[in-house]
Each structure stands twice: as structure tokens, then as C-alpha cells.
Amino acid sequence: MRPHFGLRARIAAAVVFVTVAATAAMALAAYQLQANDTTSRFHAASRADFSSDLAQTRFVAQNLSPDHVVGYMDRESAVAWSVFDYSGEHPVVHGETPPVELPGWLLTAARSNEEPMSMQPAGTPYLVLAASPVDGVVLVEYYTLDSLRADLTKLRANLAGMALLVAVLGVAGALVAAKRIQRPVRAAANAALRLGEGDLGTRLAVRGRDELADLAGSFNAMAERVETSIVELRAKEEQQRRFVADVAHDLRTPVATMVAAADGVDSPNPDARGRAGQLLAVQSRRLATLVEDLLEISRFDAGVADFRAEPVDLADLWAEAIDLVGGEGITLRTTGDVTVHGDPRRLHTIARNLLTNALTHGAPPVTVTVDGTGRDVVTAEVADSGPGVPDDLGPLVFDRFVRGDRARTATAGSGLGLAIAQENARAHGGRIEVSTQDGAVFTLRLPRAVSEPRDPSDRA
């Protein structure tokens, strides 16, 4: 099983690796440059010192005699030296015993070359310089590399210490940087956990303009959408729960009445049978109306409501609706061009439901004013002479199963009329508004043309 490393450990490891690698590379490069420079200076200083001795011995040999070269070099104590004299039958070595074995080619080359010859025998701590100050004599000096190697060792130690210090600082910086990067990531993870547990108000603080700020902003936007969706789903769920309860309540009354009336059909009393039949007829019609309204609401909720648009004259449509509900106490006024492009059946439903509401929950006289003077919108205003809409009922008047006094009293209406009217208005891209003046005033606003039917579920 592979070991698991957290984000902080991986970030710290990456920063440490890069820091150590960069520091090691820089230290190695600095050492190479410094070592080359130090070695070059050592070689230059050794060559300058040897050249000075060579010049002095050459002067002594030329002005005195070659034998005086050894005497001059006897006074040189700063460096090990040897003088090879080839003037006799056998070469004679003066001075110190060579601390290194000299190759023959070096002495041969030095005898025939007045310029210094240099070499560094492998495995020895010496730099060897050789040259001939005068014919038959070879001067050799041995410069120890101990001081150079000590300097290089010290340089390596200094650079290693500096590299170690930088590496330690890099580790500390890596831990701090990893913690700073990990903190907002961990906060995002915790926020996502709280959001998943149902805390829909969870948000992240957005600081700066970097990628972490973008992450926080994206999380907040996602949380906002999730919260909105959850709230809408809960509202839908509550609406459906209330809808089912209201349907059950509204079905209970006609069904119970019909059951009781059915028992009276078998009564031997003709008057009882007549009352039972009358009750059955009234409650059957009420039940049929309720079922039709429920089916219409379900079509809107499912988004499958039929919509067939055509030119509609609202003056004729409202006049027909007034005749249908009973024209007593209703006045119709029209101005301008009142033709719209819409579904006549659904527009007729809006008009009929608004008129029925005005007569049922308001009071006559009722005035209907259709205004077609606007270029893009036609309005239809239904004003009754009743008590108006209470302030606390105004926001709920278009909700399903809401009745005039907000009590679930047994009335002929289903409490769905205004809800269906509003859904039909939305399907046309319009809306219905309510206000109270001398009575309740319902204002329908419709666009003259609807390019395509709106989704009734869109409450925007």
C-alpha cells in the first residue's frame, strides 16, 4: 500500500526539493569558480616566485660562475629546491632530495628550455617547476599544495554551511508556504462538508485575486446556486404537501355530502328523495368543477398545458365572459386597439375567473376597463365595490386554495380560480396584479404578441 501524503506535505516536499537542488547547484558552481580562481592564483604566484629565483640564479651564473647558483639557493628557505648539475661526466644533485620522483622528460625539457616547465605529479601534494638558468644546470623548485588544499577545504566547508543554512531556511519557508496554501484549501473542504450536511449559508471569504480567491468565489457561486435550488425544492415540496392536504380537504365536503345524499335516495319520502337528488346534482357539479380545476393546475405544473395562439378581440371576449357569469351589475368599457395574439380559451378563463371572484368575494357594481392605447401592452382592469383585499392577504391571493377570508369555509368556489388565472396570464407572458381602492382591483397586463408560450413554472 502506497503511503498517503497530505497536500501540505507534498507542497513542502516540492519546495524543499527545489530549494535544496537549487542551493546545491549554486554551491557547486560557486565552488568550481572559486576553486579554479584560487588554483590559478596559486599557480601564478608559484610561477612568479620561481621566475624571480630563476632570474637571480641566471644573473649569478652569468656574472660569477655556475657554481655560485647552489650558494645562492642555499639562502632560499621558503621553498624546497634542487639543482641538477650536468657539467661533469655524471649529473650531480645539490640541495634537498627531491620529495617527488621527477620524470626524465621534465629534466630533459628543462635543460633545453629557458622558460619554466611545470607539472603536478599524480598522488603528490606538490607543484613542480623546472628551468635552466645556464647551460648544464637545471633548477627545480617544489611548491607544496597543502595551503591550497586547506583553502579549498575551508571553501567547501563554508559553502556547505551556507547551503545547509539556505536549505534549513527553505524548509522553514516551505512549511510556512504550505500552511498558507493549505489553510484556504482546508477551509474550502470544511465548507463543502458543512454545505453537504445542510448548512446552506456556508460561504468562503474571498481574499486577493489569485487562484485561491477564484476557488473561493467559485465555491460561493456554487453554494448560492445550491442554496437557491434547495430552497426552491423545499418550497415546491411544501407547496405539494399543502396542495395534497387542500385537495383532500376540498374533496371531503362534496364526497361526504354525496354519500349522505345517496343514502336519502332510497327514502320512501318523496321530499327526501328530491332533496337528496338536488344535493347529488349540486355536489356532482361542484366535484366536477374541482376536478377540472385540479387537472388544469396539474397541467401547468407538468409544463404540458395546451397553448394555441391566434388574434383575439378582448372586447368581444370580455363581453362574452360577462354574459356567461351574468351581466347584472357589470359594466364594460374599452379604449384603443384591444386586439392581442393569444389563446382565446385561456384568456376567456382569465376573464371568467376574475369576474366570478369580483361577484363572489366583492360586490356589484363591477367595472371592467380594457385599455388598448399602449403600443405593446393591453391592460384589463376589474374593479368591484366590495371591502377590498386585506393587506395580509394581498401577497397570498394568487396562491392555491386561498379564499377571501383566508379561512377554509365551505363555499362554492374551489380556491383555485385566481391561481389558474395567474398561470394563464404567465403563459401569455403577462401577469395579474391586485390592489385596493374603493374595492378590490385586479389588473391583467398582456403583451400584444406572444412569440412562443411561456413556461408557466417560470415565476420570473
Protein backbone atom coordinates (compact mmCIF):
# COMPACT_ATOMS: atom_id res chain seq x y z
CA MET A 1 0.00 0.00 0.00
CA ARG A 2 1.42 3.35 -1.06
CA PRO A 3 1.85 5.90 1.76
CA HIS A 4 -0.60 8.80 1.77
CA PHE A 5 0.83 12.29 1.85
CA GLY A 6 -1.35 15.29 2.51
CA LEU A 7 -1.36 18.45 0.45
CA ARG A 8 0.80 20.27 2.96
CA ALA A 9 3.43 17.51 2.96
CA ARG A 10 3.51 17.40 -0.84
CA ILE A 11 3.83 21.17 -1.17
CA ALA A 12 6.56 21.27 1.48
CA ALA A 13 8.41 18.37 -0.17
CA ALA A 14 8.26 20.05 -3.57
CA VAL A 15 9.51 23.38 -2.23
CA VAL A 16 12.25 21.68 -0.19
CA PHE A 17 13.37 19.62 -3.19
CA VAL A 18 13.54 22.65 -5.45
CA THR A 19 15.28 24.73 -2.78
CA VAL A 20 17.86 22.06 -1.94
CA ALA A 21 18.52 21.23 -5.59
CA ALA A 22 18.94 24.90 -6.50
CA THR A 23 21.14 25.55 -3.47
CA ALA A 24 23.33 22.52 -4.18
CA ALA A 25 23.70 23.53 -7.82
CA MET A 26 24.60 27.09 -6.88
CA ALA A 27 27.04 25.91 -4.19
CA LEU A 28 28.73 23.52 -6.62
CA ALA A 29 29.01 26.20 -9.28
CA ALA A 30 30.38 28.70 -6.76
CA TYR A 31 32.90 26.15 -5.52
CA GLN A 32 34.08 25.36 -9.03
CA LEU A 33 34.52 29.04 -9.87
CA GLN A 34 36.25 29.83 -6.58
CA ALA A 35 38.43 26.72 -6.70
CA ASN A 36 39.53 27.47 -10.25
CA ASP A 37 40.27 31.07 -9.32
CA THR A 38 42.22 30.07 -6.18
CA THR A 39 44.19 27.42 -8.07
CA SER A 40 45.01 29.87 -10.85
CA ARG A 41 46.26 32.42 -8.32
CA PHE A 42 48.36 29.77 -6.59
CA HIS A 43 49.92 28.67 -9.88
CA ALA A 44 50.52 32.29 -10.92
CA ALA A 45 52.15 33.12 -7.58
CA SER A 46 54.32 29.98 -7.71
CA ARG A 47 55.38 30.73 -11.29
CA ALA A 48 56.19 34.34 -10.38
CA ASP A 49 58.27 33.23 -7.40
CA PHE A 50 60.10 30.63 -9.49
CA SER A 51 60.70 33.15 -12.27
CA SER A 52 62.24 35.51 -9.71
CA ASP A 53 64.60 32.79 -8.42
CA LEU A 54 65.41 31.76 -11.98
CA ALA A 55 66.34 35.34 -12.90
CA GLN A 56 68.55 35.71 -9.83
CA THR A 57 70.36 32.40 -10.38
CA ARG A 58 70.82 33.26 -14.07
CA PHE A 59 72.40 36.59 -13.06
CA VAL A 60 74.67 34.87 -10.57
CA ALA A 61 75.70 32.20 -13.06
CA GLN A 62 76.43 34.71 -15.80
CA ASN A 63 78.33 37.22 -13.66
CA LEU A 64 80.06 34.87 -11.25
CA SER A 65 80.04 31.18 -12.12
CA PRO A 66 77.54 28.33 -12.31
CA ASP A 67 78.90 27.01 -9.01
CA HIS A 68 77.53 30.07 -7.24
CA VAL A 69 73.96 29.04 -8.15
CA VAL A 70 73.95 26.47 -5.37
CA GLY A 71 75.36 29.02 -2.96
CA TYR A 72 72.58 31.46 -3.85
CA MET A 73 69.89 28.84 -3.47
CA ASP A 74 71.25 27.84 -0.05
CA ARG A 75 69.92 31.14 1.19
CA GLU A 76 66.38 30.26 -0.15
CA SER A 77 64.43 28.67 2.69
CA ALA A 78 60.87 29.49 1.65
CA VAL A 79 60.59 26.63 -0.80
CA ALA A 80 62.14 23.19 -1.37
CA TRP A 81 64.59 23.13 -4.31
CA SER A 82 67.13 21.02 -6.17
CA VAL A 83 69.91 21.93 -8.60
CA PHE A 84 70.93 19.34 -11.18
CA ASP A 85 74.46 19.90 -12.49
CA TYR A 86 75.19 18.15 -15.79
CA SER A 87 78.57 19.80 -16.47
CA GLY A 88 80.59 16.74 -15.37
CA GLU A 89 80.63 13.18 -16.53
CA HIS A 90 77.82 12.31 -14.12
CA PRO A 91 74.97 14.54 -13.07
CA VAL A 92 75.21 15.88 -9.53
CA VAL A 93 72.19 16.83 -7.43
CA HIS A 94 72.58 19.72 -4.99
CA GLY A 95 70.12 20.85 -2.40
CA GLU A 96 67.31 18.80 -0.95
CA THR A 97 66.46 15.33 -2.01
CA PRO A 98 63.54 15.65 -4.44
CA PRO A 99 60.36 14.92 -2.45
CA VAL A 100 58.79 13.50 -5.62
CA GLU A 101 60.12 11.34 -8.38
CA LEU A 102 60.94 13.57 -11.32
CA PRO A 103 60.35 12.14 -14.79
CA GLY A 104 63.25 12.25 -17.17
CA TRP A 105 61.32 14.15 -19.81
CA LEU A 106 60.88 17.08 -17.42
CA LEU A 107 64.63 17.45 -16.77
CA THR A 108 65.44 16.95 -20.46
CA ALA A 109 62.86 19.55 -21.50
CA ALA A 110 64.08 21.98 -18.79
CA ARG A 111 67.73 21.69 -19.96
CA SER A 112 66.74 22.74 -23.47
CA ASN A 113 64.18 25.39 -22.49
CA GLU A 114 64.83 28.61 -20.65
CA GLU A 115 61.10 29.08 -19.89
CA PRO A 116 59.76 27.38 -16.72
CA MET A 117 58.26 23.92 -17.16
CA SER A 118 55.56 22.83 -14.70
CA MET A 119 53.92 19.60 -13.67
CA GLN A 120 51.89 18.21 -10.78
CA PRO A 121 52.75 14.56 -10.18
CA ALA A 122 49.70 12.43 -9.52
CA GLY A 123 49.21 11.48 -5.89
CA THR A 124 51.65 14.10 -4.57
CA PRO A 125 50.90 17.43 -2.87
CA TYR A 126 53.43 19.37 -4.95
CA LEU A 127 53.61 21.65 -7.96
CA VAL A 128 56.98 21.18 -9.67
CA LEU A 129 58.62 23.98 -11.69
CA ALA A 130 61.87 23.47 -13.57
CA ALA A 131 64.06 25.58 -15.88
CA SER A 132 67.73 26.01 -16.85
CA PRO A 133 69.34 29.28 -15.67
CA VAL A 134 72.57 28.41 -17.54
CA ASP A 135 73.73 25.60 -19.80
CA GLY A 136 74.31 22.33 -17.93
CA VAL A 137 72.35 23.40 -14.85
CA VAL A 138 68.64 22.75 -14.09
CA LEU A 139 66.86 24.50 -11.23
CA VAL A 140 63.82 22.65 -9.80
CA GLU A 141 61.51 24.02 -7.08
CA TYR A 142 58.76 22.15 -5.24
CA TYR A 143 55.75 24.19 -4.15
CA THR A 144 53.53 22.38 -1.66
CA LEU A 145 49.81 22.32 -2.31
CA ASP A 146 48.90 21.95 1.35
CA SER A 147 47.92 25.61 1.75
CA LEU A 148 45.91 25.49 -1.48
CA ARG A 149 44.13 22.32 -0.41
CA ALA A 150 43.50 23.82 3.03
CA ASP A 151 41.94 26.86 1.39
CA LEU A 152 39.77 24.68 -0.83
CA THR A 153 38.74 22.58 2.15
CA LYS A 154 37.76 25.72 4.03
CA LEU A 155 35.88 26.95 0.96
CA ARG A 156 33.97 23.68 0.72
CA ALA A 157 33.10 23.85 4.41
CA ASN A 158 31.86 27.44 4.09
CA LEU A 159 29.79 26.69 1.02
CA ALA A 160 28.38 23.53 2.65
CA GLY A 161 27.41 25.54 5.73
CA MET A 162 25.78 28.21 3.60
CA ALA A 163 23.95 25.56 1.57
CA LEU A 164 22.77 23.89 4.77
CA LEU A 165 21.56 27.24 6.14
CA VAL A 166 19.71 28.01 2.91
CA ALA A 167 18.22 24.52 2.92
CA VAL A 168 17.01 24.98 6.52
CA LEU A 169 15.52 28.35 5.63
CA GLY A 170 13.97 26.74 2.56
CA VAL A 171 12.38 24.02 4.70
CA ALA A 172 11.00 26.65 7.08
CA GLY A 173 9.71 28.72 4.18
CA ALA A 174 8.23 25.61 2.59
CA LEU A 175 6.34 24.75 5.76
CA VAL A 176 5.04 28.31 6.09
CA ALA A 177 4.04 28.45 2.40
CA ALA A 178 2.42 25.03 2.56
CA LYS A 179 0.45 26.08 5.62
CA ARG A 180 -0.70 29.29 3.94
CA ILE A 181 -1.77 27.35 0.85
CA GLN A 182 -3.32 24.53 2.84
CA ARG A 183 -5.38 26.82 5.07
CA PRO A 184 -7.77 28.10 2.35
CA VAL A 185 -7.94 24.65 0.74
CA ARG A 186 -8.83 23.08 4.08
CA ALA A 187 -11.35 25.86 4.68
CA ALA A 188 -12.91 25.06 1.30
CA ALA A 189 -13.04 21.36 2.17
CA ASN A 190 -14.66 22.08 5.55
CA ALA A 191 -17.11 24.47 3.92
CA ALA A 192 -18.04 21.82 1.35
CA LEU A 193 -18.56 19.35 4.21
CA ARG A 194 -20.83 21.79 6.06
CA LEU A 195 -22.71 22.52 2.87
CA GLY A 196 -23.19 18.79 2.30
CA GLU A 197 -24.52 18.47 5.86
CA GLY A 198 -27.21 21.04 5.13
CA ASP A 199 -25.69 24.36 6.23
CA LEU A 200 -26.79 26.23 3.11
CA GLY A 201 -25.47 29.58 4.37
CA THR A 202 -21.85 28.38 4.25
CA ARG A 203 -19.60 30.80 2.34
CA LEU A 204 -15.84 31.34 1.96
CA ALA A 205 -14.03 34.63 2.47
CA VAL A 206 -12.57 35.90 -0.82
CA ARG A 207 -9.17 37.49 -0.30
CA GLY A 208 -6.87 38.72 -3.04
CA ARG A 209 -7.02 37.98 -6.74
CA ASP A 210 -5.09 34.73 -7.04
CA GLU A 211 -6.26 31.22 -7.90
CA LEU A 212 -7.32 30.58 -4.29
CA ALA A 213 -9.53 33.67 -4.44
CA ASP A 214 -11.02 32.32 -7.69
CA LEU A 215 -11.63 29.00 -5.91
CA ALA A 216 -13.42 30.76 -3.06
CA GLY A 217 -15.50 32.80 -5.49
CA SER A 218 -16.46 29.71 -7.50
CA PHE A 219 -17.38 27.87 -4.29
CA ASN A 220 -19.57 30.75 -3.14
CA ALA A 221 -21.32 30.88 -6.51
CA MET A 222 -21.90 27.13 -6.38
CA ALA A 223 -23.18 27.37 -2.78
CA GLU A 224 -25.51 30.18 -3.80
CA ARG A 225 -26.95 28.07 -6.62
CA VAL A 226 -27.26 25.05 -4.35
CA GLU A 227 -28.99 27.11 -1.67
CA THR A 228 -31.38 28.60 -4.22
CA SER A 229 -32.15 25.17 -5.66
CA ILE A 230 -32.68 23.62 -2.22
CA VAL A 231 -34.92 26.49 -1.13
CA GLU A 232 -36.95 26.16 -4.32
CA LEU A 233 -37.20 22.40 -3.88
CA ARG A 234 -38.32 22.81 -0.28
CA ALA A 235 -40.86 25.41 -1.33
CA LYS A 236 -42.10 23.06 -4.04
CA GLU A 237 -42.27 20.23 -1.56
CA GLU A 238 -44.20 22.37 0.91
CA GLN A 239 -46.46 23.56 -1.89
CA GLN A 240 -47.15 19.99 -2.99
CA ARG A 241 -47.76 18.90 0.60
CA ARG A 242 -50.17 21.78 1.13
CA PHE A 243 -51.76 21.08 -2.24
CA VAL A 244 -52.43 17.46 -1.35
CA ALA A 245 -53.85 18.48 2.03
CA ASP A 246 -56.06 21.14 0.43
CA VAL A 247 -57.27 18.74 -2.27
CA ALA A 248 -58.16 16.18 0.36
CA HIS A 249 -59.99 18.86 2.36
CA ASP A 250 -61.93 20.16 -0.63
CA LEU A 251 -62.85 16.71 -1.83
CA ARG A 252 -64.06 15.65 1.59
CA THR A 253 -67.07 18.01 1.70
CA PRO A 254 -68.69 17.12 -1.65
CA VAL A 255 -67.90 13.43 -1.24
CA ALA A 256 -69.40 13.36 2.27
CA THR A 257 -72.45 15.27 1.06
CA MET A 258 -72.89 12.90 -1.88
CA VAL A 259 -72.61 9.86 0.41
CA ALA A 260 -75.25 11.33 2.70
CA ALA A 261 -77.47 12.23 -0.25
CA ALA A 262 -77.09 8.76 -1.71
CA ASP A 263 -78.50 7.34 1.49
CA GLY A 264 -81.53 9.58 1.04
CA VAL A 265 -82.25 8.38 -2.49
CA ASP A 266 -83.77 5.19 -1.11
CA SER A 267 -86.02 7.09 1.32
CA PRO A 268 -89.75 6.37 0.93
CA ASN A 269 -90.41 10.07 1.43
CA PRO A 270 -90.63 11.82 -1.97
CA ASP A 271 -89.46 15.13 -0.48
CA ALA A 272 -86.36 13.45 0.99
CA ARG A 273 -85.61 11.80 -2.33
CA GLY A 274 -85.99 15.16 -4.08
CA ARG A 275 -83.63 16.91 -1.66
CA ALA A 276 -81.16 14.02 -2.00
CA GLY A 277 -81.24 14.24 -5.79
CA GLN A 278 -80.79 18.00 -5.66
CA LEU A 279 -77.81 17.63 -3.31
CA LEU A 280 -76.29 14.99 -5.57
CA ALA A 281 -76.64 17.25 -8.60
CA VAL A 282 -75.13 20.30 -6.85
CA GLN A 283 -72.24 18.40 -5.30
CA SER A 284 -71.56 16.46 -8.51
CA ARG A 285 -71.23 19.71 -10.41
CA ARG A 286 -69.03 21.13 -7.67
CA LEU A 287 -66.88 17.99 -7.69
CA ALA A 288 -66.61 18.08 -11.48
CA THR A 289 -65.52 21.74 -11.36
CA LEU A 290 -62.95 20.97 -8.68
CA VAL A 291 -61.56 18.00 -10.62
CA GLU A 292 -61.32 20.09 -13.79
CA ASP A 293 -59.50 22.84 -11.92
CA LEU A 294 -57.11 20.31 -10.39
CA LEU A 295 -56.39 18.84 -13.79
CA GLU A 296 -55.69 22.32 -15.16
CA ILE A 297 -53.30 23.10 -12.29
CA SER A 298 -51.52 19.76 -12.77
CA ARG A 299 -51.04 20.56 -16.49
CA PHE A 300 -49.36 23.84 -15.57
CA ASP A 301 -47.14 22.12 -13.01
CA ALA A 302 -46.12 19.48 -15.54
CA GLY A 303 -45.49 22.09 -18.25
CA VAL A 304 -47.86 20.38 -20.71
CA ALA A 305 -50.66 22.96 -20.79
CA ASP A 306 -52.07 23.28 -24.29
CA PHE A 307 -51.48 26.72 -25.88
CA ARG A 308 -52.95 27.73 -29.24
CA ALA A 309 -52.40 31.38 -30.07
CA GLU A 310 -54.47 33.43 -32.54
CA PRO A 311 -55.71 37.03 -32.83
CA VAL A 312 -58.25 37.74 -30.07
CA ASP A 313 -60.52 40.79 -29.67
CA LEU A 314 -60.62 41.36 -25.91
CA ALA A 315 -63.77 43.50 -26.17
CA ASP A 316 -65.78 40.60 -27.57
CA LEU A 317 -64.10 38.12 -25.23
CA TRP A 318 -64.91 40.12 -22.07
CA ALA A 319 -68.47 40.75 -23.27
CA GLU A 320 -68.97 37.02 -23.73
CA ALA A 321 -67.50 36.30 -20.27
CA ILE A 322 -69.83 38.87 -18.71
CA ASP A 323 -72.84 37.24 -20.34
CA LEU A 324 -71.67 33.84 -19.10
CA VAL A 325 -71.37 34.83 -15.43
CA GLY A 326 -74.48 37.01 -15.54
CA GLY A 327 -74.21 40.61 -16.65
CA GLU A 328 -76.17 42.18 -13.80
CA GLY A 329 -74.11 44.94 -12.21
CA ILE A 330 -71.14 44.63 -14.59
CA THR A 331 -70.07 47.47 -16.90
CA LEU A 332 -67.60 47.03 -19.76
CA ARG A 333 -65.50 49.92 -21.11
CA THR A 334 -62.91 49.66 -23.89
CA THR A 335 -60.46 52.18 -25.37
CA GLY A 336 -57.99 51.86 -28.22
CA ASP A 337 -56.99 48.71 -30.08
CA VAL A 338 -57.78 45.80 -27.76
CA THR A 339 -56.63 43.01 -30.08
CA VAL A 340 -53.94 40.65 -28.78
CA HIS A 341 -52.33 37.45 -30.01
CA GLY A 342 -53.12 34.68 -27.52
CA ASP A 343 -55.06 31.55 -26.67
CA PRO A 344 -58.77 32.55 -26.63
CA ARG A 345 -59.76 29.66 -24.36
CA ARG A 346 -57.22 30.60 -21.71
CA LEU A 347 -57.93 34.31 -21.99
CA HIS A 348 -61.64 33.52 -21.56
CA THR A 349 -60.77 31.51 -18.43
CA ILE A 350 -58.91 34.53 -17.01
CA ALA A 351 -61.85 36.84 -17.67
CA ARG A 352 -64.43 34.43 -16.27
CA ASN A 353 -62.43 33.72 -13.10
CA LEU A 354 -61.75 37.41 -12.40
CA LEU A 355 -65.44 38.26 -12.88
CA THR A 356 -66.57 35.34 -10.71
CA ASN A 357 -64.13 36.41 -7.99
CA ALA A 358 -65.41 40.01 -8.13
CA LEU A 359 -69.03 38.89 -7.79
CA THR A 360 -68.34 36.22 -5.15
CA HIS A 361 -65.87 37.97 -2.83
CA GLY A 362 -66.56 41.59 -3.80
CA ALA A 363 -69.82 43.34 -4.53
CA PRO A 364 -71.50 44.95 -7.51
CA PRO A 365 -71.31 47.21 -9.33
CA VAL A 366 -68.28 45.78 -11.13
CA THR A 367 -66.45 47.79 -13.78
CA VAL A 368 -64.26 46.17 -16.45
CA THR A 369 -61.94 48.57 -18.28
CA VAL A 370 -59.93 47.26 -21.23
CA ASP A 371 -57.21 49.74 -22.29
CA GLY A 372 -55.60 49.20 -25.70
CA THR A 373 -53.90 52.58 -26.04
CA GLY A 374 -50.47 51.14 -25.24
CA ARG A 375 -48.21 50.14 -28.11
CA ASP A 376 -47.01 46.80 -26.72
CA VAL A 377 -49.30 46.04 -23.75
CA VAL A 378 -53.05 45.78 -23.30
CA THR A 379 -54.49 46.03 -19.78
CA ALA A 380 -57.82 44.83 -18.43
CA GLU A 381 -58.91 46.16 -15.04
CA VAL A 382 -61.68 44.51 -12.99
CA ALA A 383 -62.83 46.73 -10.09
CA ASP A 384 -65.59 45.75 -7.69
CA SER A 385 -67.32 47.67 -4.89
CA GLY A 386 -66.60 45.22 -2.09
CA PRO A 387 -64.43 45.57 1.01
CA GLY A 388 -61.22 45.09 -0.95
CA VAL A 389 -58.33 42.71 -0.27
CA PRO A 390 -56.88 42.74 3.27
CA ASP A 391 -53.23 43.80 3.43
CA ASP A 392 -52.12 40.46 4.87
CA LEU A 393 -53.98 38.57 2.14
CA GLY A 394 -52.52 40.55 -0.78
CA PRO A 395 -49.29 38.51 -1.17
CA LEU A 396 -51.26 35.24 -0.96
CA VAL A 397 -54.32 35.99 -3.05
CA PHE A 398 -52.98 34.09 -6.08
CA ASP A 399 -51.92 31.05 -4.05
CA ARG A 400 -53.87 27.84 -4.47
CA PHE A 401 -56.87 27.16 -2.24
CA VAL A 402 -56.80 30.67 -0.77
CA ARG A 403 -60.24 32.12 -0.19
CA GLY A 404 -61.33 35.66 0.51
CA ASP A 405 -61.20 35.47 4.29
CA ARG A 406 -58.21 33.04 4.33
CA ALA A 407 -60.44 30.59 6.20
CA ARG A 408 -61.30 27.27 4.69
CA THR A 409 -65.02 27.87 4.70
CA ALA A 410 -67.40 25.79 2.68
CA THR A 411 -68.12 27.92 -0.40
CA ALA A 412 -69.00 27.06 -3.96
CA GLY A 413 -65.53 28.05 -5.14
CA SER A 414 -62.53 25.76 -5.13
CA GLY A 415 -59.98 28.41 -4.20
CA LEU A 416 -58.16 27.76 -7.47
CA GLY A 417 -59.74 30.38 -9.73
CA LEU A 418 -57.23 33.19 -9.20
CA ALA A 419 -54.29 30.74 -9.23
CA ILE A 420 -55.45 29.38 -12.61
CA ALA A 421 -55.97 32.90 -13.92
CA GLN A 422 -52.44 33.91 -12.92
CA GLU A 423 -50.95 30.77 -14.52
CA ASN A 424 -52.79 31.54 -17.76
CA ALA A 425 -51.55 35.13 -17.66
CA ARG A 426 -47.97 33.92 -17.20
CA ALA A 427 -48.39 31.52 -20.11
CA HIS A 428 -49.06 34.61 -22.26
CA GLY A 429 -46.04 36.45 -20.86
CA GLY A 430 -48.27 38.68 -18.76
CA ARG A 431 -49.32 38.95 -15.12
CA ILE A 432 -52.20 39.88 -12.84
CA GLU A 433 -51.78 42.42 -10.05
CA VAL A 434 -54.12 43.23 -7.19
CA SER A 435 -54.72 46.45 -5.28
CA THR A 436 -57.43 48.03 -3.16
CA GLN A 437 -59.08 51.34 -3.99
CA ASP A 438 -62.84 51.67 -3.36
CA GLY A 439 -62.85 47.88 -3.62
CA ALA A 440 -60.63 45.14 -4.95
CA VAL A 441 -58.95 45.96 -8.29
CA PHE A 442 -57.41 43.15 -10.35
CA THR A 443 -55.31 44.36 -13.30
CA LEU A 444 -54.38 41.99 -16.13
CA ARG A 445 -51.41 43.06 -18.28
CA LEU A 446 -50.91 41.22 -21.57
CA PRO A 447 -48.36 41.73 -24.34
CA ARG A 448 -49.96 42.24 -27.72
CA ALA A 449 -47.93 39.41 -29.28
CA VAL A 450 -46.54 36.23 -27.77
CA SER A 451 -43.77 34.70 -29.91
CA GLU A 452 -43.96 31.42 -28.05
CA PRO A 453 -45.80 30.25 -24.93
CA ARG A 454 -44.02 30.87 -21.63
CA ASP A 455 -43.30 28.07 -19.21
CA PRO A 456 -45.92 28.62 -16.51
CA SER A 457 -43.48 27.28 -13.90
CA ASP A 458 -41.25 30.31 -14.57
CA ARG A 459 -42.15 32.74 -11.81
CA ALA A 460 -39.75 35.47 -13.01
